[in-house]
Amino acid sequence: MKLLRIVPDNTNLPFMYWRRVTFPLSAALSLLAVFLFFTVGLNFGIDFRGGTLVELQSRSGPADLSGLRATLGTLGLGDVQLQQFGAPTDVLVRIAQQPGGEEAQQAAVAKVRQALGDTYEYRRVEVVGPRVSAELVTNGIIGIMVAMFGIFVYLWFRFEWQFSVGAIVATMHDVVLTIGFYCVTQVDFDLSSVAAILTIMGYSVNDTVVIYDRIREMLRRYKRMPIDELLDLAMNSMLSRTVITSTTTFLATLGLFFFGPEVIQSFVQAMLFGIIVGVYSSAFIAAPLLIYLGVTTYGTETEASSEAQARA
């Protein structure tokens, strides 16, 4: 009985040759993501903007969005957004930050309850003040920066500085493109989005470290092989593992996308994008960068001089 081979053993894809295309492509996409961040911007959720989130469930059949919008529009609460999710009976109501602090937010919720009466069940109510939202923004940025610094230090001690720089550049590439994804799709950017970015960073670094470990092993085994050929060999030898890991993770996350609750959709959508980008950056950014960072096969010059002395 033949064993199933996801990737044939004799696969020899020219990853290092493709860097002539992938490097300019990644640079262009990263610049576009930065441009979108400063022009379009992120669609910050309640966590970062402050305000009130109310999750409703209709007690009598599908929710009437037009009727809800008309009723809530007369309450003088400013920007009120409604979004249907999950079952036809479920509705998310986002109320803009009210002037007057937390008491004003609670008063807004009370107005909504009074206007809707008993026709809806209140499944969740979240109120975030401006001070808390500002602290969440700061803590989110600090968390991402600390994670990157920790990755940089670990890889420096675990491998060499070239590997550390390559992993950080690839990770930054993933973070920038993920932020660009949020700018394009305008999916709510909230605390779960920060968690998604940190998870994508961890996933990408894990894949990169596995590939780097194989590269380091082959650097010691094939001491006289040209570096670009060695990197291609390492990438192709890890291709089956990368395909299996990324595919299973993607399918599991896809299940959450179709059947998961609305509250985690911003996390799930970013993860689906991040899995693809993480695999791409490990293969086409992190590994080829080692060529430009000066990584060479170990012992090449020493062995060459030894052979020259022996011939003399």
C-alpha atoms as a PDB file:
ATOM      1  CA  MET A   1       0.000   0.000   0.000  1.00  0.00           C
ATOM      2  CA  LYS A   2       1.470   3.316  -1.088  1.00  0.00           C
ATOM      3  CA  LEU A   3       1.700   6.114   1.438  1.00  0.00           C
ATOM      4  CA  LEU A   4      -0.089   9.366   0.690  1.00  0.00           C
ATOM      5  CA  ARG A   5       2.337  12.062  -0.421  1.00  0.00           C
ATOM      6  CA  ILE A   6       1.011  15.585  -0.117  1.00  0.00           C
ATOM      7  CA  VAL A   7       4.161  16.907  -1.802  1.00  0.00           C
ATOM      8  CA  PRO A   8       6.283  14.591  -4.002  1.00  0.00           C
ATOM      9  CA  ASP A   9       9.756  13.803  -2.656  1.00  0.00           C
ATOM     10  CA  ASN A  10      11.448  15.101  -5.809  1.00  0.00           C
ATOM     11  CA  THR A  11       9.807  18.562  -5.642  1.00  0.00           C
ATOM     12  CA  ASN A  12      12.315  21.278  -6.513  1.00  0.00           C
ATOM     13  CA  LEU A  13      10.565  24.642  -6.610  1.00  0.00           C
ATOM     14  CA  PRO A  14      12.865  27.650  -7.246  1.00  0.00           C
ATOM     15  CA  PHE A  15      11.923  29.742  -4.196  1.00  0.00           C
ATOM     16  CA  MET A  16      15.078  31.854  -4.342  1.00  0.00           C
ATOM     17  CA  TYR A  17      14.513  32.672  -8.005  1.00  0.00           C
ATOM     18  CA  TRP A  18      10.970  33.834  -7.247  1.00  0.00           C
ATOM     19  CA  ARG A  19      12.300  36.394  -4.783  1.00  0.00           C
ATOM     20  CA  ARG A  20      12.847  38.714  -7.751  1.00  0.00           C
ATOM     21  CA  VAL A  21       9.050  38.928  -7.977  1.00  0.00           C
ATOM     22  CA  THR A  22       7.952  38.449  -4.371  1.00  0.00           C
ATOM     23  CA  PHE A  23      10.224  41.123  -2.880  1.00  0.00           C
ATOM     24  CA  PRO A  24       8.906  43.978  -5.078  1.00  0.00           C
ATOM     25  CA  LEU A  25       5.350  42.654  -4.647  1.00  0.00           C
ATOM     26  CA  SER A  26       5.632  42.607  -0.852  1.00  0.00           C
ATOM     27  CA  ALA A  27       7.198  46.075  -0.812  1.00  0.00           C
ATOM     28  CA  ALA A  28       4.380  47.467  -2.962  1.00  0.00           C
ATOM     29  CA  LEU A  29       1.664  45.836  -0.833  1.00  0.00           C
ATOM     30  CA  SER A  30       3.296  47.070   2.386  1.00  0.00           C
ATOM     31  CA  LEU A  31       3.457  50.645   1.087  1.00  0.00           C
ATOM     32  CA  LEU A  32      -0.170  50.389  -0.012  1.00  0.00           C
ATOM     33  CA  ALA A  33      -1.157  49.146   3.463  1.00  0.00           C
ATOM     34  CA  VAL A  34       0.638  52.074   5.122  1.00  0.00           C
ATOM     35  CA  PHE A  35      -1.023  54.503   2.692  1.00  0.00           C
ATOM     36  CA  LEU A  36      -4.466  53.055   3.455  1.00  0.00           C
ATOM     37  CA  PHE A  37      -3.788  53.278   7.189  1.00  0.00           C
ATOM     38  CA  PHE A  38      -3.130  57.020   6.987  1.00  0.00           C
ATOM     39  CA  THR A  39      -5.893  57.781   4.472  1.00  0.00           C
ATOM     40  CA  VAL A  40      -8.772  55.334   4.977  1.00  0.00           C
ATOM     41  CA  GLY A  41      -7.853  54.330   8.519  1.00  0.00           C
ATOM     42  CA  LEU A  42      -9.119  51.533  10.744  1.00  0.00           C
ATOM     43  CA  ASN A  43     -12.746  51.031  11.667  1.00  0.00           C
ATOM     44  CA  PHE A  44     -12.200  51.120  15.425  1.00  0.00           C
ATOM     45  CA  GLY A  45     -14.735  49.201  17.465  1.00  0.00           C
ATOM     46  CA  ILE A  46     -16.318  50.108  20.761  1.00  0.00           C
ATOM     47  CA  ASP A  47     -13.210  48.916  22.628  1.00  0.00           C
ATOM     48  CA  PHE A  48     -11.096  51.721  21.131  1.00  0.00           C
ATOM     49  CA  ARG A  49     -13.612  54.458  20.357  1.00  0.00           C
ATOM     50  CA  GLY A  50     -15.663  54.170  23.477  1.00  0.00           C
ATOM     51  CA  GLY A  51     -19.427  53.756  23.457  1.00  0.00           C
ATOM     52  CA  THR A  52     -22.012  51.070  24.057  1.00  0.00           C
ATOM     53  CA  LEU A  53     -22.623  47.710  22.427  1.00  0.00           C
ATOM     54  CA  VAL A  54     -26.006  46.014  22.916  1.00  0.00           C
ATOM     55  CA  GLU A  55     -26.772  42.518  21.620  1.00  0.00           C
ATOM     56  CA  LEU A  56     -30.505  41.951  21.070  1.00  0.00           C
ATOM     57  CA  GLN A  57     -32.610  38.921  20.218  1.00  0.00           C
ATOM     58  CA  SER A  58     -36.143  39.308  18.925  1.00  0.00           C
ATOM     59  CA  ARG A  59     -38.790  37.460  20.919  1.00  0.00           C
ATOM     60  CA  SER A  60     -41.237  37.309  18.015  1.00  0.00           C
ATOM     61  CA  GLY A  61     -39.644  36.141  14.784  1.00  0.00           C
ATOM     62  CA  PRO A  62     -37.003  37.862  12.648  1.00  0.00           C
ATOM     63  CA  ALA A  63     -35.754  41.253  13.807  1.00  0.00           C
ATOM     64  CA  ASP A  64     -37.191  44.283  12.036  1.00  0.00           C
ATOM     65  CA  LEU A  65     -34.054  46.331  11.268  1.00  0.00           C
ATOM     66  CA  SER A  66     -35.920  49.206   9.625  1.00  0.00           C
ATOM     67  CA  GLY A  67     -38.297  49.476  12.570  1.00  0.00           C
ATOM     68  CA  LEU A  68     -35.389  49.315  15.038  1.00  0.00           C
ATOM     69  CA  ARG A  69     -33.515  52.004  13.136  1.00  0.00           C
ATOM     70  CA  ALA A  70     -36.538  54.269  13.094  1.00  0.00           C
ATOM     71  CA  THR A  71     -37.211  53.762  16.817  1.00  0.00           C
ATOM     72  CA  LEU A  72     -33.614  54.270  17.970  1.00  0.00           C
ATOM     73  CA  GLY A  73     -33.135  57.226  15.616  1.00  0.00           C
ATOM     74  CA  THR A  74     -35.657  59.265  17.602  1.00  0.00           C
ATOM     75  CA  LEU A  75     -33.794  58.876  20.916  1.00  0.00           C
ATOM     76  CA  GLY A  76     -31.151  61.519  20.176  1.00  0.00           C
ATOM     77  CA  LEU A  77     -28.200  59.193  20.830  1.00  0.00           C
ATOM     78  CA  GLY A  78     -26.097  60.303  17.868  1.00  0.00           C
ATOM     79  CA  ASP A  79     -24.563  57.632  15.636  1.00  0.00           C
ATOM     80  CA  VAL A  80     -26.452  54.348  16.136  1.00  0.00           C
ATOM     81  CA  GLN A  81     -25.390  51.380  13.982  1.00  0.00           C
ATOM     82  CA  LEU A  82     -27.356  48.152  13.604  1.00  0.00           C
ATOM     83  CA  GLN A  83     -25.989  44.865  12.305  1.00  0.00           C
ATOM     84  CA  GLN A  84     -27.762  41.545  11.913  1.00  0.00           C
ATOM     85  CA  PHE A  85     -25.691  38.456  12.637  1.00  0.00           C
ATOM     86  CA  GLY A  86     -26.148  34.736  13.130  1.00  0.00           C
ATOM     87  CA  ALA A  87     -29.876  33.960  13.260  1.00  0.00           C
ATOM     88  CA  PRO A  88     -32.418  36.393  11.748  1.00  0.00           C
ATOM     89  CA  THR A  89     -33.546  37.220  15.285  1.00  0.00           C
ATOM     90  CA  ASP A  90     -30.121  38.540  16.430  1.00  0.00           C
ATOM     91  CA  VAL A  91     -29.067  42.181  16.134  1.00  0.00           C
ATOM     92  CA  LEU A  92     -26.018  44.152  17.301  1.00  0.00           C
ATOM     93  CA  VAL A  93     -26.635  47.793  18.235  1.00  0.00           C
ATOM     94  CA  ARG A  94     -23.631  50.128  18.493  1.00  0.00           C
ATOM     95  CA  ILE A  95     -24.243  53.460  20.193  1.00  0.00           C
ATOM     96  CA  ALA A  96     -21.686  56.254  19.875  1.00  0.00           C
ATOM     97  CA  GLN A  97     -19.869  57.656  22.902  1.00  0.00           C
ATOM     98  CA  GLN A  98     -22.235  59.888  24.850  1.00  0.00           C
ATOM     99  CA  PRO A  99     -20.980  63.111  26.502  1.00  0.00           C
ATOM    100  CA  GLY A 100     -21.179  62.922  30.271  1.00  0.00           C
ATOM    101  CA  GLY A 101     -19.093  59.904  31.201  1.00  0.00           C
ATOM    102  CA  GLU A 102     -20.239  56.438  32.218  1.00  0.00           C
ATOM    103  CA  GLU A 103     -23.541  57.694  33.653  1.00  0.00           C
ATOM    104  CA  ALA A 104     -24.477  59.035  30.216  1.00  0.00           C
ATOM    105  CA  GLN A 105     -23.718  55.627  28.651  1.00  0.00           C
ATOM    106  CA  GLN A 106     -25.942  53.888  31.189  1.00  0.00           C
ATOM    107  CA  ALA A 107     -28.679  56.440  30.513  1.00  0.00           C
ATOM    108  CA  ALA A 108     -28.425  55.668  26.778  1.00  0.00           C
ATOM    109  CA  VAL A 109     -28.924  51.957  27.482  1.00  0.00           C
ATOM    110  CA  ALA A 110     -31.910  52.798  29.662  1.00  0.00           C
ATOM    111  CA  LYS A 111     -33.445  54.814  26.810  1.00  0.00           C
ATOM    112  CA  VAL A 112     -33.014  51.878  24.447  1.00  0.00           C
ATOM    113  CA  ARG A 113     -34.634  49.483  26.918  1.00  0.00           C
ATOM    114  CA  GLN A 114     -37.558  51.843  27.438  1.00  0.00           C
ATOM    115  CA  ALA A 115     -38.074  52.394  23.704  1.00  0.00           C
ATOM    116  CA  LEU A 116     -37.973  48.700  22.772  1.00  0.00           C
ATOM    117  CA  GLY A 117     -39.837  47.377  25.780  1.00  0.00           C
ATOM    118  CA  ASP A 118     -40.179  43.584  26.036  1.00  0.00           C
ATOM    119  CA  THR A 119     -40.054  42.873  22.297  1.00  0.00           C
ATOM    120  CA  TYR A 120     -36.320  42.097  22.485  1.00  0.00           C
ATOM    121  CA  GLU A 121     -34.162  40.100  24.865  1.00  0.00           C
ATOM    122  CA  TYR A 122     -30.957  41.854  25.966  1.00  0.00           C
ATOM    123  CA  ARG A 123     -28.255  39.193  25.696  1.00  0.00           C
ATOM    124  CA  ARG A 124     -25.199  41.407  26.169  1.00  0.00           C
ATOM    125  CA  VAL A 125     -24.499  45.038  27.097  1.00  0.00           C
ATOM    126  CA  GLU A 126     -20.940  46.462  27.030  1.00  0.00           C
ATOM    127  CA  VAL A 127     -20.051  50.034  27.950  1.00  0.00           C
ATOM    128  CA  VAL A 128     -16.529  51.375  27.346  1.00  0.00           C
ATOM    129  CA  GLY A 129     -15.539  54.885  28.479  1.00  0.00           C
ATOM    130  CA  PRO A 130     -13.052  57.159  26.637  1.00  0.00           C
ATOM    131  CA  ARG A 131     -10.333  56.751  29.297  1.00  0.00           C
ATOM    132  CA  VAL A 132     -10.524  52.967  29.122  1.00  0.00           C
ATOM    133  CA  SER A 133     -10.506  52.977  25.313  1.00  0.00           C
ATOM    134  CA  ALA A 134      -7.377  55.189  25.224  1.00  0.00           C
ATOM    135  CA  GLU A 135      -5.623  52.839  27.644  1.00  0.00           C
ATOM    136  CA  LEU A 136      -6.601  49.861  25.498  1.00  0.00           C
ATOM    137  CA  VAL A 137      -5.066  51.477  22.397  1.00  0.00           C
ATOM    138  CA  THR A 138      -1.813  52.185  24.253  1.00  0.00           C
ATOM    139  CA  ASN A 139      -1.649  48.728  25.808  1.00  0.00           C
ATOM    140  CA  GLY A 140      -2.372  47.073  22.456  1.00  0.00           C
ATOM    141  CA  ILE A 141       0.522  48.896  20.766  1.00  0.00           C
ATOM    142  CA  ILE A 142       2.857  48.134  23.686  1.00  0.00           C
ATOM    143  CA  GLY A 143       1.861  44.471  23.587  1.00  0.00           C
ATOM    144  CA  ILE A 144       2.715  44.144  19.888  1.00  0.00           C
ATOM    145  CA  MET A 145       6.071  45.931  20.301  1.00  0.00           C
ATOM    146  CA  VAL A 146       7.060  43.843  23.341  1.00  0.00           C
ATOM    147  CA  ALA A 147       6.178  40.657  21.452  1.00  0.00           C
ATOM    148  CA  MET A 148       8.391  41.670  18.525  1.00  0.00           C
ATOM    149  CA  PHE A 149      11.280  42.559  20.816  1.00  0.00           C
ATOM    150  CA  GLY A 150      10.971  39.210  22.586  1.00  0.00           C
ATOM    151  CA  ILE A 151      11.012  37.371  19.264  1.00  0.00           C
ATOM    152  CA  PHE A 152      14.088  39.328  18.158  1.00  0.00           C
ATOM    153  CA  VAL A 153      16.038  38.529  21.355  1.00  0.00           C
ATOM    154  CA  TYR A 154      15.064  34.851  21.360  1.00  0.00           C
ATOM    155  CA  LEU A 155      16.064  34.251  17.744  1.00  0.00           C
ATOM    156  CA  TRP A 156      19.347  36.124  18.225  1.00  0.00           C
ATOM    157  CA  PHE A 157      20.356  33.701  20.975  1.00  0.00           C
ATOM    158  CA  ARG A 158      18.751  30.673  19.309  1.00  0.00           C
ATOM    159  CA  PHE A 159      20.321  31.190  15.891  1.00  0.00           C
ATOM    160  CA  GLU A 160      22.367  34.203  14.695  1.00  0.00           C
ATOM    161  CA  TRP A 161      21.602  37.882  14.250  1.00  0.00           C
ATOM    162  CA  GLN A 162      20.864  37.412  10.535  1.00  0.00           C
ATOM    163  CA  PHE A 163      18.107  34.925  11.329  1.00  0.00           C
ATOM    164  CA  SER A 164      16.706  37.244  13.989  1.00  0.00           C
ATOM    165  CA  VAL A 165      16.550  40.222  11.612  1.00  0.00           C
ATOM    166  CA  GLY A 166      15.007  38.068   8.874  1.00  0.00           C
ATOM    167  CA  ALA A 167      12.267  36.802  11.203  1.00  0.00           C
ATOM    168  CA  ILE A 168      11.469  40.302  12.472  1.00  0.00           C
ATOM    169  CA  VAL A 169      11.241  41.714   8.932  1.00  0.00           C
ATOM    170  CA  ALA A 170       8.922  38.869   7.912  1.00  0.00           C
ATOM    171  CA  THR A 171       6.804  39.372  11.037  1.00  0.00           C
ATOM    172  CA  MET A 172       6.569  43.126  10.452  1.00  0.00           C
ATOM    173  CA  HIS A 173       5.530  42.344   6.883  1.00  0.00           C
ATOM    174  CA  ASP A 174       2.665  40.185   8.205  1.00  0.00           C
ATOM    175  CA  VAL A 175       1.549  42.819  10.736  1.00  0.00           C
ATOM    176  CA  VAL A 176       1.549  45.631   8.148  1.00  0.00           C
ATOM    177  CA  LEU A 177      -0.420  43.583   5.604  1.00  0.00           C
ATOM    178  CA  THR A 178      -2.917  42.507   8.269  1.00  0.00           C
ATOM    179  CA  ILE A 179      -3.511  46.145   9.205  1.00  0.00           C
ATOM    180  CA  GLY A 180      -3.964  46.844   5.496  1.00  0.00           C
ATOM    181  CA  PHE A 181      -6.547  44.042   5.417  1.00  0.00           C
ATOM    182  CA  TYR A 182      -8.486  45.770   8.208  1.00  0.00           C
ATOM    183  CA  CYS A 183      -8.312  49.084   6.323  1.00  0.00           C
ATOM    184  CA  VAL A 184      -9.626  47.559   3.082  1.00  0.00           C
ATOM    185  CA  THR A 185     -12.407  45.430   4.584  1.00  0.00           C
ATOM    186  CA  GLN A 186     -13.329  47.923   7.346  1.00  0.00           C
ATOM    187  CA  VAL A 187     -13.901  45.014   9.712  1.00  0.00           C
ATOM    188  CA  ASP A 188     -14.206  46.274  13.290  1.00  0.00           C
ATOM    189  CA  PHE A 189     -10.773  46.703  14.868  1.00  0.00           C
ATOM    190  CA  ASP A 190     -11.175  45.875  18.558  1.00  0.00           C
ATOM    191  CA  LEU A 191      -9.364  43.947  21.272  1.00  0.00           C
ATOM    192  CA  SER A 192      -9.930  40.659  19.454  1.00  0.00           C
ATOM    193  CA  SER A 193      -8.124  42.197  16.461  1.00  0.00           C
ATOM    194  CA  VAL A 194      -5.060  42.859  18.628  1.00  0.00           C
ATOM    195  CA  ALA A 195      -5.264  39.233  19.756  1.00  0.00           C
ATOM    196  CA  ALA A 196      -5.482  38.195  16.097  1.00  0.00           C
ATOM    197  CA  ILE A 197      -2.349  40.180  15.204  1.00  0.00           C
ATOM    198  CA  LEU A 198      -0.416  38.632  18.110  1.00  0.00           C
ATOM    199  CA  THR A 199      -1.631  35.159  17.084  1.00  0.00           C
ATOM    200  CA  ILE A 200      -0.598  35.761  13.475  1.00  0.00           C
ATOM    201  CA  MET A 201       2.826  36.882  14.683  1.00  0.00           C
ATOM    202  CA  GLY A 202       3.202  33.695  16.708  1.00  0.00           C
ATOM    203  CA  TYR A 203       2.034  31.491  13.840  1.00  0.00           C
ATOM    204  CA  SER A 204       4.332  33.182  11.348  1.00  0.00           C
ATOM    205  CA  VAL A 205       7.358  33.061  13.657  1.00  0.00           C
ATOM    206  CA  ASN A 206       6.723  29.394  14.429  1.00  0.00           C
ATOM    207  CA  ASP A 207       6.723  28.530  10.726  1.00  0.00           C
ATOM    208  CA  THR A 208       9.800  30.694  10.157  1.00  0.00           C
ATOM    209  CA  VAL A 209      11.735  29.127  13.048  1.00  0.00           C
ATOM    210  CA  VAL A 210      11.023  25.603  11.755  1.00  0.00           C
ATOM    211  CA  ILE A 211      12.342  26.574   8.328  1.00  0.00           C
ATOM    212  CA  TYR A 212      15.351  28.368   9.840  1.00  0.00           C
ATOM    213  CA  ASP A 213      16.178  25.296  11.916  1.00  0.00           C
ATOM    214  CA  ARG A 214      16.252  23.164   8.763  1.00  0.00           C
ATOM    215  CA  ILE A 215      18.398  25.787   7.018  1.00  0.00           C
ATOM    216  CA  ARG A 216      20.885  25.789   9.902  1.00  0.00           C
ATOM    217  CA  GLU A 217      21.010  21.995   9.819  1.00  0.00           C
ATOM    218  CA  MET A 218      21.766  21.995   6.104  1.00  0.00           C
ATOM    219  CA  LEU A 219      24.354  24.743   6.486  1.00  0.00           C
ATOM    220  CA  ARG A 220      26.339  22.306   8.615  1.00  0.00           C
ATOM    221  CA  ARG A 221      25.700  19.324   6.348  1.00  0.00           C
ATOM    222  CA  TYR A 222      26.326  20.876   2.934  1.00  0.00           C
ATOM    223  CA  LYS A 223      29.225  23.186   3.631  1.00  0.00           C
ATOM    224  CA  ARG A 224      30.179  23.835   0.039  1.00  0.00           C
ATOM    225  CA  MET A 225      26.770  24.158  -1.596  1.00  0.00           C
ATOM    226  CA  PRO A 226      25.876  27.651  -2.907  1.00  0.00           C
ATOM    227  CA  ILE A 227      23.613  29.424  -0.468  1.00  0.00           C
ATOM    228  CA  ASP A 228      20.708  29.931  -2.887  1.00  0.00           C
ATOM    229  CA  GLU A 229      20.664  26.222  -3.786  1.00  0.00           C
ATOM    230  CA  LEU A 230      20.852  25.292  -0.127  1.00  0.00           C
ATOM    231  CA  LEU A 231      17.916  27.542   0.752  1.00  0.00           C
ATOM    232  CA  ASP A 232      15.867  26.040  -2.083  1.00  0.00           C
ATOM    233  CA  LEU A 233      16.708  22.564  -0.811  1.00  0.00           C
ATOM    234  CA  ALA A 234      15.684  23.478   2.736  1.00  0.00           C
ATOM    235  CA  MET A 235      12.419  25.059   1.609  1.00  0.00           C
ATOM    236  CA  ASN A 236      11.451  22.103  -0.563  1.00  0.00           C
ATOM    237  CA  SER A 237      12.257  19.628   2.197  1.00  0.00           C
ATOM    238  CA  MET A 238       9.878  21.515   4.536  1.00  0.00           C
ATOM    239  CA  LEU A 239       7.168  22.048   1.929  1.00  0.00           C
ATOM    240  CA  SER A 240       5.066  19.043   2.920  1.00  0.00           C
ATOM    241  CA  ARG A 241       5.067  20.054   6.595  1.00  0.00           C
ATOM    242  CA  THR A 242       4.170  23.657   5.716  1.00  0.00           C
ATOM    243  CA  VAL A 243       1.288  22.619   3.447  1.00  0.00           C
ATOM    244  CA  ILE A 244      -0.200  20.195   5.976  1.00  0.00           C
ATOM    245  CA  THR A 245       0.088  22.570   8.945  1.00  0.00           C
ATOM    246  CA  SER A 246      -1.252  25.624   7.146  1.00  0.00           C
ATOM    247  CA  THR A 247      -4.098  23.716   5.461  1.00  0.00           C
ATOM    248  CA  THR A 248      -5.369  22.105   8.661  1.00  0.00           C
ATOM    249  CA  THR A 249      -5.144  25.413  10.546  1.00  0.00           C
ATOM    250  CA  PHE A 250      -6.925  27.238   7.731  1.00  0.00           C
ATOM    251  CA  LEU A 251      -9.746  24.675   7.581  1.00  0.00           C
ATOM    252  CA  ALA A 252     -10.257  24.798  11.347  1.00  0.00           C
ATOM    253  CA  THR A 253     -10.427  28.595  11.239  1.00  0.00           C
ATOM    254  CA  LEU A 254     -12.762  28.434   8.241  1.00  0.00           C
ATOM    255  CA  GLY A 255     -15.205  26.455  10.372  1.00  0.00           C
ATOM    256  CA  LEU A 256     -15.215  29.298  12.906  1.00  0.00           C
ATOM    257  CA  PHE A 257     -15.830  31.761  10.082  1.00  0.00           C
ATOM    258  CA  PHE A 258     -19.012  29.990   8.940  1.00  0.00           C
ATOM    259  CA  PHE A 259     -20.353  28.703  12.250  1.00  0.00           C
ATOM    260  CA  GLY A 260     -18.718  30.883  14.920  1.00  0.00           C
ATOM    261  CA  PRO A 261     -20.483  33.708  16.771  1.00  0.00           C
ATOM    262  CA  GLU A 262     -20.398  37.289  15.522  1.00  0.00           C
ATOM    263  CA  VAL A 263     -18.298  38.470  18.445  1.00  0.00           C
ATOM    264  CA  ILE A 264     -15.189  36.628  17.135  1.00  0.00           C
ATOM    265  CA  GLN A 265     -15.620  37.340  13.426  1.00  0.00           C
ATOM    266  CA  SER A 266     -13.018  40.135  13.321  1.00  0.00           C
ATOM    267  CA  PHE A 267     -10.535  37.732  14.915  1.00  0.00           C
ATOM    268  CA  VAL A 268     -11.405  34.858  12.567  1.00  0.00           C
ATOM    269  CA  GLN A 269     -11.291  36.902   9.360  1.00  0.00           C
ATOM    270  CA  ALA A 270      -7.895  38.333  10.276  1.00  0.00           C
ATOM    271  CA  MET A 271      -6.625  34.837  11.109  1.00  0.00           C
ATOM    272  CA  LEU A 272      -7.708  33.463   7.725  1.00  0.00           C
ATOM    273  CA  PHE A 273      -5.794  36.251   6.030  1.00  0.00           C
ATOM    274  CA  GLY A 274      -2.843  35.943   8.432  1.00  0.00           C
ATOM    275  CA  ILE A 275      -2.382  32.206   7.873  1.00  0.00           C
ATOM    276  CA  ILE A 276      -1.929  32.777   4.146  1.00  0.00           C
ATOM    277  CA  VAL A 277       0.344  35.771   4.647  1.00  0.00           C
ATOM    278  CA  GLY A 278       2.372  33.985   7.345  1.00  0.00           C
ATOM    279  CA  VAL A 279       3.133  31.023   5.100  1.00  0.00           C
ATOM    280  CA  TYR A 280       3.977  33.357   2.234  1.00  0.00           C
ATOM    281  CA  SER A 281       6.365  35.480   4.310  1.00  0.00           C
ATOM    282  CA  SER A 282       8.175  32.449   5.751  1.00  0.00           C
ATOM    283  CA  ALA A 283       8.867  31.056   2.292  1.00  0.00           C
ATOM    284  CA  PHE A 284       9.349  34.185   0.192  1.00  0.00           C
ATOM    285  CA  ILE A 285      10.550  36.822   2.679  1.00  0.00           C
ATOM    286  CA  ALA A 286      12.291  35.262   5.689  1.00  0.00           C
ATOM    287  CA  ALA A 287      14.332  32.630   3.843  1.00  0.00           C
ATOM    288  CA  PRO A 288      15.508  34.735   0.843  1.00  0.00           C
ATOM    289  CA  LEU A 289      16.468  37.607   3.174  1.00  0.00           C
ATOM    290  CA  LEU A 290      19.288  35.443   4.533  1.00  0.00           C
ATOM    291  CA  ILE A 291      21.097  35.853   1.200  1.00  0.00           C
ATOM    292  CA  TYR A 292      21.096  39.643   1.514  1.00  0.00           C
ATOM    293  CA  LEU A 293      22.000  39.506   5.205  1.00  0.00           C
ATOM    294  CA  GLY A 294      25.254  37.701   4.446  1.00  0.00           C
ATOM    295  CA  VAL A 295      24.536  34.128   5.558  1.00  0.00           C
ATOM    296  CA  THR A 296      26.955  31.746   3.849  1.00  0.00           C
ATOM    297  CA  THR A 297      27.680  28.041   4.015  1.00  0.00           C
ATOM    298  CA  TYR A 298      29.825  27.190   7.022  1.00  0.00           C
ATOM    299  CA  GLY A 299      33.446  26.313   6.448  1.00  0.00           C
ATOM    300  CA  THR A 300      33.655  27.062   2.749  1.00  0.00           C
ATOM    301  CA  GLU A 301      36.733  29.279   2.952  1.00  0.00           C
ATOM    302  CA  THR A 302      38.420  27.048   5.533  1.00  0.00           C
ATOM    303  CA  GLU A 303      37.960  23.895   3.505  1.00  0.00           C
ATOM    304  CA  ALA A 304      39.136  25.596   0.342  1.00  0.00           C
ATOM    305  CA  SER A 305      42.350  26.831   2.013  1.00  0.00           C
ATOM    306  CA  SER A 306      42.967  23.386   3.527  1.00  0.00           C
ATOM    307  CA  GLU A 307      42.642  21.734   0.127  1.00  0.00           C
ATOM    308  CA  ALA A 308      45.008  24.315  -1.386  1.00  0.00           C
ATOM    309  CA  GLN A 309      47.633  23.612   1.318  1.00  0.00           C
ATOM    310  CA  ALA A 310      47.258  19.879   0.778  1.00  0.00           C
ATOM    311  CA  ARG A 311      47.854  20.237  -2.958  1.00  0.00           C
ATOM    312  CA  ALA A 312      50.933  22.405  -2.286  1.00  0.00           C
END
